[in-house]
Amino acid sequence: MPHTFTVNADMARALVTLASDDRAWGRPWHVPSPPAVTIRELARRYAVAAGRPPITLIQLPRFVMRTAGLVVPIAREMAEMDYQWYAPFHMEATETAETFHLTATDLDTAVRAEVG
């Protein structure tokens, strides 16, 4: 499923901008982020940027993480958030972008910066 991934630098820039602007107070704002991609597409982009062959991703049945979560705290946390991976998870930040003049970093630019 497509998922919106937010670049850390974009998140930091938004937090600093919103914290210093009175218009931001009293309501939530979404951070401008690149268009949603699947986790497989994101992994492919990282492999390309690293000059490596793509990795094979497998999907675990939901009950596996839920069962593991009985004894492994991080598995419990992942199972709690797994709804984000079984339906499209898109963030809409047009209002934030227009109000505060924030833009999202291109996903491939962010991936290359992290790999480089």
N, C-alpha and C. Protein backbone atom coordinates (compact mmCIF):
# COMPACT_ATOMS: atom_id res chain seq x y z
N MET A 1 0.83 -1.18 0.00
CA MET A 1 0.00 0.00 0.00
C MET A 1 0.88 1.25 0.00
N PRO A 2 0.46 2.29 -0.68
CA PRO A 2 1.22 3.54 -0.65
C PRO A 2 1.20 4.16 0.76
N HIS A 3 2.31 4.73 1.12
CA HIS A 3 2.50 5.29 2.46
C HIS A 3 3.26 6.61 2.33
N THR A 4 2.84 7.62 3.06
CA THR A 4 3.57 8.89 3.08
C THR A 4 4.72 8.78 4.05
N PHE A 5 5.92 9.00 3.55
CA PHE A 5 7.12 9.03 4.39
C PHE A 5 7.58 10.48 4.48
N THR A 6 7.86 10.96 5.68
CA THR A 6 8.29 12.33 5.88
C THR A 6 9.79 12.36 6.11
N VAL A 7 10.47 13.24 5.42
CA VAL A 7 11.92 13.40 5.55
C VAL A 7 12.21 14.09 6.88
N ASN A 8 13.17 13.57 7.64
CA ASN A 8 13.48 14.12 8.97
C ASN A 8 13.76 15.62 8.92
N ALA A 9 14.52 16.07 7.95
CA ALA A 9 14.84 17.50 7.85
C ALA A 9 13.58 18.33 7.61
N ASP A 10 12.63 17.80 6.85
CA ASP A 10 11.36 18.50 6.63
C ASP A 10 10.57 18.60 7.94
N MET A 11 10.59 17.54 8.72
CA MET A 11 9.90 17.54 10.01
C MET A 11 10.52 18.60 10.93
N ALA A 12 11.84 18.62 11.00
CA ALA A 12 12.52 19.59 11.86
C ALA A 12 12.22 21.02 11.41
N ARG A 13 12.28 21.26 10.10
CA ARG A 13 12.00 22.60 9.57
C ARG A 13 10.56 23.02 9.90
N ALA A 14 9.63 22.10 9.78
CA ALA A 14 8.23 22.41 10.09
C ALA A 14 8.06 22.70 11.58
N LEU A 15 8.69 21.92 12.43
CA LEU A 15 8.56 22.15 13.87
C LEU A 15 9.10 23.52 14.27
N VAL A 16 10.25 23.89 13.73
CA VAL A 16 10.83 25.20 14.04
C VAL A 16 9.93 26.31 13.52
N THR A 17 9.45 26.17 12.30
CA THR A 17 8.59 27.19 11.70
C THR A 17 7.29 27.34 12.47
N LEU A 18 6.65 26.24 12.77
CA LEU A 18 5.36 26.28 13.47
C LEU A 18 5.50 26.80 14.90
N ALA A 19 6.58 26.44 15.55
CA ALA A 19 6.78 26.88 16.94
C ALA A 19 6.96 28.39 17.05
N SER A 20 7.42 29.00 15.98
CA SER A 20 7.71 30.44 16.04
C SER A 20 6.63 31.30 15.37
N ASP A 21 5.50 30.70 15.01
CA ASP A 21 4.45 31.43 14.32
C ASP A 21 3.13 31.27 15.07
N ASP A 22 2.57 32.36 15.54
CA ASP A 22 1.33 32.32 16.33
C ASP A 22 0.16 31.69 15.57
N ARG A 23 0.19 31.73 14.25
CA ARG A 23 -0.91 31.13 13.47
C ARG A 23 -0.98 29.62 13.66
N ALA A 24 0.11 29.01 14.09
CA ALA A 24 0.16 27.56 14.22
C ALA A 24 -0.48 27.05 15.50
N TRP A 25 -0.61 27.91 16.48
CA TRP A 25 -1.07 27.47 17.80
C TRP A 25 -2.53 27.04 17.81
N GLY A 26 -2.81 25.99 18.58
CA GLY A 26 -4.18 25.58 18.82
C GLY A 26 -4.78 24.59 17.84
N ARG A 27 -3.97 24.06 16.95
CA ARG A 27 -4.50 23.07 15.99
C ARG A 27 -3.36 22.23 15.42
N PRO A 28 -3.67 21.07 14.87
CA PRO A 28 -2.62 20.22 14.27
C PRO A 28 -2.29 20.67 12.85
N TRP A 29 -1.05 20.40 12.44
CA TRP A 29 -0.59 20.68 11.08
C TRP A 29 0.17 19.47 10.58
N HIS A 30 -0.06 19.07 9.34
CA HIS A 30 0.71 17.98 8.74
C HIS A 30 1.93 18.56 8.05
N VAL A 31 3.02 17.83 8.11
CA VAL A 31 4.28 18.26 7.49
C VAL A 31 4.25 17.94 6.00
N PRO A 32 4.58 18.91 5.15
CA PRO A 32 4.68 18.61 3.71
C PRO A 32 5.68 17.47 3.49
N SER A 33 5.25 16.47 2.74
CA SER A 33 6.03 15.26 2.52
C SER A 33 5.97 14.86 1.05
N PRO A 34 6.94 14.08 0.59
CA PRO A 34 6.90 13.61 -0.80
C PRO A 34 5.66 12.75 -1.04
N PRO A 35 5.30 12.54 -2.30
CA PRO A 35 4.15 11.68 -2.61
C PRO A 35 4.35 10.28 -2.02
N ALA A 36 3.24 9.66 -1.65
CA ALA A 36 3.28 8.33 -1.04
C ALA A 36 3.83 7.29 -2.02
N VAL A 37 4.60 6.36 -1.47
CA VAL A 37 5.13 5.22 -2.23
C VAL A 37 4.96 3.97 -1.37
N THR A 38 5.05 2.81 -2.00
CA THR A 38 5.00 1.57 -1.24
C THR A 38 6.35 1.33 -0.56
N ILE A 39 6.36 0.49 0.44
CA ILE A 39 7.62 0.17 1.12
C ILE A 39 8.57 -0.55 0.14
N ARG A 40 8.02 -1.32 -0.77
CA ARG A 40 8.86 -1.99 -1.77
C ARG A 40 9.53 -0.97 -2.69
N GLU A 41 8.78 0.06 -3.08
CA GLU A 41 9.34 1.12 -3.92
C GLU A 41 10.41 1.89 -3.16
N LEU A 42 10.17 2.17 -1.90
CA LEU A 42 11.16 2.88 -1.10
C LEU A 42 12.44 2.04 -0.98
N ALA A 43 12.29 0.75 -0.71
CA ALA A 43 13.46 -0.13 -0.62
C ALA A 43 14.22 -0.18 -1.94
N ARG A 44 13.47 -0.20 -3.06
CA ARG A 44 14.11 -0.21 -4.38
C ARG A 44 14.93 1.06 -4.59
N ARG A 45 14.38 2.20 -4.19
CA ARG A 45 15.09 3.48 -4.35
C ARG A 45 16.37 3.50 -3.52
N TYR A 46 16.32 2.96 -2.31
CA TYR A 46 17.53 2.88 -1.49
C TYR A 46 18.57 1.98 -2.14
N ALA A 47 18.14 0.85 -2.69
CA ALA A 47 19.08 -0.07 -3.35
C ALA A 47 19.74 0.61 -4.54
N VAL A 48 18.96 1.31 -5.35
CA VAL A 48 19.51 2.02 -6.51
C VAL A 48 20.52 3.06 -6.04
N ALA A 49 20.16 3.85 -5.02
CA ALA A 49 21.05 4.90 -4.53
C ALA A 49 22.34 4.33 -3.97
N ALA A 50 22.27 3.13 -3.41
CA ALA A 50 23.45 2.49 -2.83
C ALA A 50 24.22 1.66 -3.85
N GLY A 51 23.68 1.57 -5.08
CA GLY A 51 24.34 0.76 -6.10
C GLY A 51 24.31 -0.72 -5.77
N ARG A 52 23.26 -1.17 -5.12
CA ARG A 52 23.12 -2.56 -4.70
C ARG A 52 21.92 -3.19 -5.38
N PRO A 53 21.90 -4.50 -5.45
CA PRO A 53 20.71 -5.16 -5.99
C PRO A 53 19.53 -4.99 -5.03
N PRO A 54 18.34 -4.96 -5.55
CA PRO A 54 17.18 -4.80 -4.67
C PRO A 54 17.03 -6.00 -3.73
N ILE A 55 16.53 -5.73 -2.53
CA ILE A 55 16.30 -6.80 -1.58
C ILE A 55 14.90 -7.37 -1.79
N THR A 56 14.69 -8.58 -1.31
CA THR A 56 13.38 -9.20 -1.38
C THR A 56 12.67 -8.95 -0.06
N LEU A 57 11.51 -8.36 -0.14
CA LEU A 57 10.70 -8.13 1.05
C LEU A 57 9.57 -9.15 1.08
N ILE A 58 9.30 -9.67 2.26
CA ILE A 58 8.18 -10.60 2.41
C ILE A 58 7.20 -10.01 3.41
N GLN A 59 5.95 -10.31 3.22
CA GLN A 59 4.92 -9.81 4.12
C GLN A 59 4.61 -10.88 5.16
N LEU A 60 4.73 -10.51 6.42
CA LEU A 60 4.37 -11.42 7.50
C LEU A 60 2.87 -11.34 7.74
N PRO A 61 2.24 -12.48 8.02
CA PRO A 61 0.83 -12.41 8.41
C PRO A 61 0.68 -11.57 9.68
N ARG A 62 -0.42 -10.87 9.80
CA ARG A 62 -0.62 -9.98 10.95
C ARG A 62 -0.49 -10.71 12.28
N PHE A 63 -0.97 -11.94 12.35
CA PHE A 63 -0.95 -12.66 13.62
C PHE A 63 0.47 -12.91 14.11
N VAL A 64 1.45 -12.95 13.20
CA VAL A 64 2.84 -13.20 13.61
C VAL A 64 3.35 -12.07 14.50
N MET A 65 3.15 -10.82 14.07
CA MET A 65 3.61 -9.69 14.88
C MET A 65 2.79 -9.57 16.16
N ARG A 66 1.51 -9.85 16.08
CA ARG A 66 0.67 -9.77 17.28
C ARG A 66 1.09 -10.84 18.30
N THR A 67 1.40 -12.01 17.81
CA THR A 67 1.86 -13.08 18.71
C THR A 67 3.23 -12.74 19.29
N ALA A 68 4.14 -12.28 18.44
CA ALA A 68 5.47 -11.89 18.93
C ALA A 68 5.35 -10.75 19.94
N GLY A 69 4.36 -9.90 19.76
CA GLY A 69 4.16 -8.77 20.66
C GLY A 69 3.82 -9.17 22.09
N LEU A 70 3.45 -10.41 22.29
CA LEU A 70 3.17 -10.88 23.65
C LEU A 70 4.44 -10.90 24.50
N VAL A 71 5.60 -11.05 23.83
CA VAL A 71 6.87 -11.12 24.58
C VAL A 71 7.92 -10.12 24.12
N VAL A 72 7.75 -9.53 22.94
CA VAL A 72 8.73 -8.59 22.40
C VAL A 72 8.07 -7.21 22.29
N PRO A 73 8.48 -6.26 23.15
CA PRO A 73 7.81 -4.95 23.16
C PRO A 73 7.79 -4.24 21.81
N ILE A 74 8.87 -4.26 21.04
CA ILE A 74 8.88 -3.55 19.76
C ILE A 74 7.91 -4.19 18.77
N ALA A 75 7.75 -5.52 18.83
CA ALA A 75 6.78 -6.20 17.97
C ALA A 75 5.36 -5.78 18.35
N ARG A 76 5.12 -5.59 19.65
CA ARG A 76 3.81 -5.12 20.12
C ARG A 76 3.52 -3.72 19.56
N GLU A 77 4.53 -2.85 19.57
CA GLU A 77 4.35 -1.50 19.04
C GLU A 77 4.11 -1.54 17.54
N MET A 78 4.85 -2.39 16.84
CA MET A 78 4.66 -2.49 15.38
C MET A 78 3.27 -3.03 15.05
N ALA A 79 2.80 -4.00 15.81
CA ALA A 79 1.47 -4.55 15.58
C ALA A 79 0.39 -3.50 15.82
N GLU A 80 0.63 -2.62 16.79
CA GLU A 80 -0.34 -1.57 17.10
C GLU A 80 -0.47 -0.57 15.95
N MET A 81 0.60 -0.37 15.21
CA MET A 81 0.60 0.61 14.12
C MET A 81 0.43 -0.03 12.73
N ASP A 82 0.19 -1.33 12.68
CA ASP A 82 0.18 -2.01 11.38
C ASP A 82 -0.95 -1.59 10.46
N TYR A 83 -1.96 -0.92 10.98
CA TYR A 83 -3.05 -0.45 10.12
C TYR A 83 -2.52 0.47 9.02
N GLN A 84 -1.39 1.10 9.25
CA GLN A 84 -0.81 2.00 8.26
C GLN A 84 -0.33 1.25 7.02
N TRP A 85 -0.17 -0.04 7.11
CA TRP A 85 0.40 -0.83 6.00
C TRP A 85 -0.64 -1.66 5.27
N TYR A 86 -1.89 -1.66 5.73
CA TYR A 86 -2.92 -2.48 5.11
C TYR A 86 -3.95 -1.65 4.36
N ALA A 87 -3.75 -0.37 4.33
CA ALA A 87 -4.60 0.55 3.56
C ALA A 87 -3.71 1.72 3.17
N PRO A 88 -4.03 2.42 2.11
CA PRO A 88 -3.22 3.60 1.75
C PRO A 88 -3.14 4.57 2.94
N PHE A 89 -1.96 5.13 3.16
CA PHE A 89 -1.74 6.05 4.27
C PHE A 89 -1.14 7.32 3.68
N HIS A 90 -2.02 8.27 3.38
CA HIS A 90 -1.61 9.52 2.73
C HIS A 90 -1.75 10.69 3.70
N MET A 91 -0.75 11.55 3.72
CA MET A 91 -0.81 12.77 4.50
C MET A 91 -1.11 13.93 3.55
N GLU A 92 -2.03 14.77 3.93
CA GLU A 92 -2.39 15.93 3.13
C GLU A 92 -1.89 17.17 3.87
N ALA A 93 -0.95 17.89 3.27
CA ALA A 93 -0.34 19.03 3.95
C ALA A 93 -0.39 20.31 3.11
N THR A 94 -1.33 20.38 2.18
CA THR A 94 -1.42 21.57 1.33
C THR A 94 -1.58 22.84 2.15
N GLU A 95 -2.44 22.80 3.15
CA GLU A 95 -2.67 24.00 3.96
C GLU A 95 -1.40 24.43 4.71
N THR A 96 -0.67 23.47 5.23
CA THR A 96 0.59 23.79 5.91
C THR A 96 1.57 24.42 4.94
N ALA A 97 1.69 23.82 3.76
CA ALA A 97 2.63 24.33 2.75
C ALA A 97 2.27 25.75 2.35
N GLU A 98 1.00 26.00 2.10
CA GLU A 98 0.57 27.33 1.65
C GLU A 98 0.66 28.38 2.77
N THR A 99 0.30 28.00 3.98
CA THR A 99 0.29 28.95 5.09
C THR A 99 1.69 29.35 5.52
N PHE A 100 2.58 28.37 5.58
CA PHE A 100 3.92 28.62 6.13
C PHE A 100 5.03 28.56 5.08
N HIS A 101 4.66 28.41 3.82
CA HIS A 101 5.62 28.38 2.71
C HIS A 101 6.67 27.28 2.90
N LEU A 102 6.19 26.10 3.30
CA LEU A 102 7.06 24.95 3.48
C LEU A 102 6.89 24.01 2.29
N THR A 103 7.96 23.36 1.89
CA THR A 103 7.90 22.39 0.80
C THR A 103 8.55 21.09 1.25
N ALA A 104 8.17 20.03 0.59
CA ALA A 104 8.75 18.71 0.88
C ALA A 104 10.02 18.51 0.08
N THR A 105 10.97 17.86 0.69
CA THR A 105 12.19 17.45 -0.02
C THR A 105 11.82 16.31 -0.96
N ASP A 106 12.36 16.33 -2.16
CA ASP A 106 12.14 15.23 -3.11
C ASP A 106 12.64 13.94 -2.47
N LEU A 107 11.87 12.87 -2.60
CA LEU A 107 12.22 11.60 -1.96
C LEU A 107 13.56 11.06 -2.42
N ASP A 108 13.84 11.11 -3.70
CA ASP A 108 15.12 10.59 -4.19
C ASP A 108 16.30 11.43 -3.68
N THR A 109 16.10 12.71 -3.53
CA THR A 109 17.14 13.57 -2.96
C THR A 109 17.43 13.16 -1.51
N ALA A 110 16.37 12.92 -0.75
CA ALA A 110 16.54 12.49 0.64
C ALA A 110 17.21 11.12 0.74
N VAL A 111 16.80 10.21 -0.13
CA VAL A 111 17.39 8.86 -0.11
C VAL A 111 18.88 8.94 -0.44
N ARG A 112 19.23 9.69 -1.49
CA ARG A 112 20.65 9.82 -1.85
C ARG A 112 21.46 10.44 -0.71
N ALA A 113 20.91 11.43 -0.02
CA ALA A 113 21.60 12.06 1.08
C ALA A 113 21.83 11.09 2.23
N GLU A 114 20.89 10.23 2.49
CA GLU A 114 21.04 9.26 3.57
C GLU A 114 22.02 8.15 3.21
N VAL A 115 22.01 7.74 1.96
CA VAL A 115 22.90 6.66 1.52
C VAL A 115 24.32 7.18 1.38
N GLY A 116 24.44 8.43 0.88
CA GLY A 116 25.74 9.01 0.57
C GLY A 116 26.56 9.21 1.77
